[in-house]
Protein backbone atom coordinates (compact mmCIF):
# COMPACT_ATOMS: atom_id res chain seq x y z
CA MET A 1 216.98 151.98 -65.32
CA GLY A 2 214.11 149.60 -63.62
CA SER A 3 212.70 150.35 -60.28
CA PHE A 4 214.44 149.20 -56.91
CA ARG A 5 213.00 146.18 -55.63
CA CYS A 6 213.33 145.44 -51.81
CA GLY A 7 212.32 142.52 -49.25
CA PHE A 8 212.38 139.93 -46.67
CA VAL A 9 213.20 135.87 -47.73
CA ALA A 10 212.71 133.63 -44.78
CA LEU A 11 215.35 130.26 -45.83
CA VAL A 12 213.25 127.55 -43.63
CA GLY A 13 213.55 123.69 -43.62
CA ARG A 14 213.98 120.91 -41.36
CA PRO A 15 218.08 121.19 -39.27
CA ASN A 16 220.98 120.80 -41.49
CA VAL A 17 219.58 121.24 -44.58
CA GLY A 18 222.30 124.11 -45.30
CA LYS A 19 220.41 126.91 -44.92
CA SER A 20 223.45 129.19 -43.16
CA THR A 21 225.47 128.46 -46.05
CA ILE A 22 222.81 129.13 -48.48
CA LEU A 23 222.91 132.83 -46.65
CA ASN A 24 226.75 133.50 -46.29
CA ARG A 25 227.10 132.18 -49.96
CA LEU A 26 224.53 134.86 -51.44
CA VAL A 27 225.50 137.62 -49.02
CA GLY A 28 228.84 136.50 -49.82
CA GLN A 29 230.82 136.77 -46.68
CA LYS A 30 230.04 134.91 -43.28
CA VAL A 31 226.79 136.08 -41.30
CA SER A 32 225.89 132.76 -40.05
CA ILE A 33 228.16 130.13 -38.14
CA THR A 34 227.57 126.43 -39.83
CA SER A 35 228.31 122.90 -38.27
CA GLN A 36 227.82 119.74 -39.20
CA ARG A 37 225.17 119.34 -36.23
CA PRO A 38 221.06 120.18 -36.58
CA GLN A 39 220.65 123.05 -34.63
CA THR A 40 223.91 124.88 -35.28
CA THR A 41 221.30 127.99 -36.27
CA ARG A 42 219.45 128.87 -33.28
CA HIS A 43 218.57 132.56 -33.57
CA ARG A 44 216.89 134.16 -36.46
CA ILE A 45 219.63 135.97 -38.51
CA LEU A 46 219.49 138.56 -41.43
CA GLY A 47 221.69 138.61 -44.38
CA ILE A 48 221.47 141.60 -46.21
CA LYS A 49 222.50 141.45 -50.03
CA THR A 50 222.24 145.14 -51.95
CA ASP A 51 223.26 146.19 -55.45
CA GLU A 52 222.28 148.86 -57.57
CA GLN A 53 218.59 146.97 -58.67
CA ALA A 54 218.00 145.49 -55.52
CA GLN A 55 218.39 144.91 -51.49
CA ILE A 56 217.58 141.20 -50.62
CA VAL A 57 216.68 140.61 -46.69
CA PHE A 58 217.72 136.65 -46.26
CA VAL A 59 216.32 135.85 -42.72
CA ASP A 60 218.12 132.46 -41.96
CA THR A 61 215.89 130.60 -39.25
CA PRO A 62 216.67 127.70 -36.95
CA GLY A 63 215.70 124.19 -38.53
CA LEU A 64 212.10 123.19 -37.89
CA HIS A 65 211.74 119.92 -36.10
CA ALA A 66 208.76 117.84 -35.00
CA ARG A 67 209.94 116.61 -31.65
CA GLN A 68 210.30 119.31 -28.95
CA PRO A 69 210.70 118.02 -25.74
CA ARG A 70 212.79 120.55 -24.74
CA ALA A 71 212.38 124.50 -23.41
CA MET A 72 215.29 125.19 -26.25
CA ASN A 73 213.36 123.03 -29.26
CA ARG A 74 209.99 125.07 -28.95
CA TYR A 75 212.26 128.49 -28.69
CA LEU A 76 213.58 127.66 -32.42
CA ASN A 77 210.77 125.78 -33.46
CA ARG A 78 208.89 129.30 -32.35
CA ALA A 79 211.63 131.37 -33.62
CA ALA A 80 211.13 129.95 -37.22
CA VAL A 81 207.74 129.91 -37.55
CA ASP A 82 207.49 133.22 -36.44
CA SER A 83 210.28 134.21 -39.00
CA PHE A 84 208.01 133.21 -42.62
CA ARG A 85 204.94 135.27 -41.22
CA ASP A 86 205.68 138.68 -42.87
CA VAL A 87 208.08 137.82 -45.72
CA ASP A 88 207.55 138.26 -48.99
CA VAL A 89 209.14 135.03 -50.68
CA VAL A 90 210.00 131.96 -48.91
CA VAL A 91 212.65 129.39 -49.98
CA PHE A 92 211.78 126.29 -48.26
CA VAL A 93 215.26 123.98 -48.32
CA VAL A 94 215.64 120.36 -48.69
CA GLU A 95 218.39 118.05 -48.78
CA GLY A 96 218.45 116.06 -52.64
CA THR A 97 216.55 112.93 -52.30
CA ARG A 98 215.80 112.42 -48.49
CA TRP A 99 212.49 113.65 -47.74
CA GLN A 100 212.00 112.76 -44.04
CA GLU A 101 209.06 113.35 -41.46
CA ASP A 102 210.26 116.39 -40.59
CA ASP A 103 210.48 117.96 -43.77
CA ASP A 104 206.33 117.29 -44.18
CA TRP A 105 206.33 118.89 -40.58
CA VAL A 106 207.80 122.24 -42.36
CA ILE A 107 205.10 121.71 -44.97
CA GLU A 108 202.32 121.84 -42.63
CA LYS A 109 203.71 124.85 -41.78
CA LEU A 110 203.55 126.73 -44.72
CA GLU A 111 200.37 125.83 -45.63
CA HIS A 112 199.12 129.59 -44.75
CA VAL A 113 202.11 130.90 -46.41
CA SER A 114 200.71 133.28 -48.93
CA CYS A 115 203.65 134.93 -50.36
CA PRO A 116 205.90 132.77 -53.25
CA VAL A 117 207.48 129.32 -51.95
CA ILE A 118 210.46 128.87 -53.91
CA LEU A 119 211.74 124.96 -53.28
CA ALA A 120 215.93 124.87 -52.84
CA ILE A 121 216.67 120.87 -53.71
CA ASN A 122 220.25 121.31 -51.93
CA LYS A 123 223.13 118.92 -51.54
CA ILE A 124 222.43 117.53 -55.27
CA ASP A 125 226.00 116.88 -55.59
CA ARG A 126 225.31 113.95 -52.76
CA VAL A 127 222.87 112.88 -55.80
CA ALA A 128 224.88 109.97 -57.35
CA ASP A 129 222.56 108.98 -59.91
CA LYS A 130 221.28 112.26 -61.34
CA THR A 131 218.18 110.35 -62.64
CA ASN A 132 217.10 109.62 -59.53
CA LEU A 133 216.70 113.57 -59.39
CA LEU A 134 213.32 113.75 -61.96
CA PRO A 135 210.65 111.83 -60.17
CA GLN A 136 211.97 113.13 -56.87
CA LEU A 137 211.28 116.51 -58.14
CA GLU A 138 207.76 115.11 -59.61
CA VAL A 139 207.08 114.24 -56.41
CA LEU A 140 208.08 117.61 -54.42
CA SER A 141 206.43 119.18 -57.20
CA GLY A 142 202.52 117.27 -55.41
CA LYS A 143 203.58 118.24 -52.22
CA ARG A 144 202.28 121.68 -52.58
CA GLU A 145 201.83 124.53 -54.95
CA PHE A 146 205.50 125.87 -55.31
CA ALA A 147 206.73 129.45 -57.30
CA GLU A 148 209.62 127.61 -58.55
CA LEU A 149 211.24 123.84 -58.00
CA ILE A 150 215.76 124.72 -58.01
CA PRO A 151 218.09 121.95 -57.82
CA ILE A 152 221.73 123.73 -55.49
CA CYS A 153 224.55 122.90 -54.06
CA ALA A 154 225.22 125.20 -51.45
CA LYS A 155 228.78 124.32 -50.94
CA ASN A 156 230.45 124.66 -54.42
CA GLY A 157 227.56 127.54 -55.28
CA ASP A 158 226.22 125.20 -58.23
CA HIS A 159 222.80 127.20 -59.25
CA LEU A 160 222.77 129.61 -56.84
CA GLN A 161 222.48 132.87 -59.26
CA GLN A 162 218.89 131.03 -60.42
CA LEU A 163 217.80 131.07 -56.95
CA GLU A 164 218.98 134.68 -56.37
CA ALA A 165 217.48 135.47 -59.58
CA ALA A 166 213.96 133.75 -58.75
CA VAL A 167 213.95 135.39 -55.53
CA ARG A 168 214.60 138.77 -56.70
CA LYS A 169 211.69 138.92 -59.51
CA ARG A 170 209.27 138.47 -56.34
CA LEU A 171 210.16 141.18 -54.55
CA PRO A 172 208.39 144.36 -54.04
CA GLU A 173 209.29 147.74 -55.53
CA SER A 174 210.56 149.53 -52.82
CA PRO A 175 213.48 151.89 -51.26
CA PRO A 176 215.92 149.75 -49.37
CA TYR A 177 215.44 148.52 -45.41
CA TYR A 178 218.67 148.95 -44.56
CA SER A 179 222.31 151.17 -45.94
CA GLU A 180 224.33 149.95 -48.63
CA ASP A 181 226.88 148.89 -46.36
CA GLN A 182 225.28 146.14 -44.13
CA VAL A 183 225.73 142.63 -43.91
CA THR A 184 223.15 141.90 -41.00
CA ASP A 185 221.21 142.96 -38.25
CA ARG A 186 223.03 141.54 -35.67
CA SER A 187 225.83 142.97 -33.66
CA GLU A 188 229.61 142.29 -33.55
CA ARG A 189 229.44 140.85 -29.79
CA PHE A 190 226.37 138.74 -31.13
CA LEU A 191 228.74 137.55 -33.81
CA ALA A 192 232.05 136.88 -31.28
CA ALA A 193 229.70 134.58 -29.35
CA GLU A 194 228.45 132.69 -32.65
CA LEU A 195 231.51 132.67 -33.69
CA VAL A 196 232.93 130.79 -30.37
CA ARG A 197 229.78 128.44 -30.43
CA GLU A 198 230.48 127.14 -34.37
CA LYS A 199 234.14 126.20 -33.49
CA LEU A 200 233.11 124.18 -30.22
CA PHE A 201 229.83 122.40 -32.15
CA ARG A 202 232.82 121.26 -35.10
CA LYS A 203 235.36 120.45 -32.68
CA LEU A 204 232.60 118.65 -30.16
CA GLY A 205 231.20 116.64 -32.70
CA GLU A 206 228.38 114.08 -30.88
CA GLU A 207 230.40 114.39 -27.22
CA ILE A 208 227.84 117.35 -25.88
CA PRO A 209 224.41 117.47 -26.52
CA TYR A 210 222.51 121.00 -27.02
CA GLY A 211 223.39 121.78 -23.64
CA LEU A 212 226.19 124.61 -24.65
CA THR A 213 225.79 128.22 -25.02
CA VAL A 214 228.18 131.25 -25.00
CA GLU A 215 227.32 134.49 -23.88
CA ILE A 216 230.36 137.77 -23.79
CA GLU A 217 230.84 139.01 -20.51
CA ARG A 218 233.38 141.97 -21.94
CA PHE A 219 233.41 143.15 -25.41
CA ARG A 220 235.51 146.26 -25.21
CA LYS A 221 237.88 148.23 -27.49
CA GLU A 222 241.44 149.24 -25.99
CA LYS A 223 243.63 151.15 -27.78
CA LYS A 224 244.30 149.06 -30.92
CA THR A 225 243.04 145.64 -29.81
CA LEU A 226 239.36 144.14 -29.04
CA HIS A 227 239.75 142.83 -26.16
CA VAL A 228 236.32 139.65 -25.89
CA TYR A 229 235.74 137.91 -22.49
CA ALA A 230 233.43 134.57 -23.45
CA LEU A 231 231.24 132.66 -21.06
CA ILE A 232 231.11 128.83 -22.17
CA TRP A 233 227.65 127.56 -20.32
CA VAL A 234 227.25 123.61 -20.11
CA GLU A 235 224.63 121.68 -18.18
CA LYS A 236 226.68 119.48 -16.51
CA GLU A 237 230.01 119.20 -14.26
CA SER A 238 230.53 116.20 -16.25
CA HIS A 239 230.66 118.52 -19.55
CA LYS A 240 233.14 120.36 -18.48
CA PRO A 241 236.54 118.65 -19.06
CA ILE A 242 234.91 117.33 -22.58
CA VAL A 243 234.91 121.27 -23.43
CA ILE A 244 238.18 122.14 -21.52
CA GLY A 245 239.97 118.93 -23.29
CA ASN A 246 243.06 117.37 -22.47
CA LYS A 247 245.90 119.78 -20.66
CA GLY A 248 243.47 122.77 -22.14
CA GLN A 249 244.17 121.78 -25.42
CA ARG A 250 240.81 121.91 -26.94
CA LEU A 251 239.81 125.27 -25.79
CA LYS A 252 243.01 126.58 -26.61
CA GLU A 253 242.15 125.36 -30.57
CA VAL A 254 238.76 126.78 -30.29
CA GLY A 255 239.85 130.02 -28.93
CA SER A 256 242.97 130.38 -31.52
CA GLU A 257 240.45 129.72 -34.67
CA ALA A 258 237.45 131.86 -33.06
CA ARG A 259 239.95 134.66 -32.63
CA GLU A 260 241.47 134.26 -36.16
CA ASP A 261 237.59 134.65 -37.28
CA MET A 262 236.95 137.49 -35.13
CA GLN A 263 239.85 139.24 -36.84
CA ARG A 264 239.04 139.08 -40.05
CA ALA A 265 235.68 139.72 -39.36
CA PHE A 266 235.90 142.92 -37.29
CA GLY A 267 239.08 143.57 -39.07
CA GLN A 268 241.64 144.56 -36.03
CA LYS A 269 243.34 142.62 -33.69
CA VAL A 270 241.37 140.52 -30.94
CA PHE A 271 242.54 139.55 -27.58
CA LEU A 272 240.06 136.78 -26.14
CA GLN A 273 239.62 135.10 -23.27
CA LEU A 274 237.25 131.67 -22.65
CA TRP A 275 236.20 130.41 -19.58
CA VAL A 276 233.57 127.48 -18.89
CA LYS A 277 231.08 127.46 -16.57
CA VAL A 278 228.36 125.36 -15.43
CA LYS A 279 224.78 126.29 -15.23
CA GLU A 280 222.34 122.88 -14.36
CA GLY A 281 219.42 122.24 -16.95
CA TRP A 282 219.81 125.72 -18.51
CA ALA A 283 218.74 124.36 -22.00
CA ASP A 284 215.07 123.11 -20.63
CA ASP A 285 214.73 126.58 -18.59
CA GLU A 286 212.63 129.24 -20.08
CA ARG A 287 214.41 131.90 -17.64
CA ALA A 288 217.49 130.46 -18.28
CA LEU A 289 217.00 130.69 -22.05
CA ARG A 290 215.63 134.25 -21.76
CA SER A 291 218.86 135.74 -19.35
CA LEU A 292 221.27 133.60 -22.18
CA GLY A 293 219.67 136.15 -25.07
CA TYR A 294 217.03 133.40 -26.15
CA ASN A 295 214.30 135.83 -26.16
CA GLU A 296 211.55 136.32 -29.12
CA ASP A 297 213.75 138.45 -31.85
């Protein structure tokens, strides 16, 4: 039997290229929330995959974006850039044949990275004419020195094994850092807040900008039921009715879907209560961000 390998692998890229979907697929369960909206991932989240040969510690990062007008955007960029300082491999995720200004910005940030960088070209299912892929791969390989270029489709799992194999062989020989049954470094309380936020992002589409976050006020097991009380913070009074919906319908749907996800994740009955409150301008206030858990991880 060969020696055991273990290391950290950062998933980086601009917002909405599918980093969280890749993480969840590779780990084999939901660790990072996903939605169609950019900046769904707001924290660095570890997804841990362990088998007989290796332990791969994936670091899902917020999407990097060149424009950073608000404190929240600056926080997201710092969290993402910090996460690829001390990793063993970087997987730079881009989207099919769509190269954008923010992708160039990520390339710039990767200039000083000394570990191998693998380029994962995601969403290849959306490239109607596959003959366009080859010239695109040539263009991409000219952007910088990549250890490998791997076209994938995270949504249906195509070529993810190839990506994982490319990562594995570049990990250092080392004993595991985490116990073999651990799949993330985040607490259940943190995951509960994220699951509520995911449902909100999915239901609200473009209606509410990024001025929305979730804080867990109470997370307690009583008898055989987990009681979760969550506060949904919005930036403006006018956002409140949008989140609550007509006759409270939207909030009800968010609560019911989040509760089902929590029951699956935590393996027990969950009682979930949601409230919506206003904290003016929290997403542009460094102090408010810290008080809501957006501190340097």
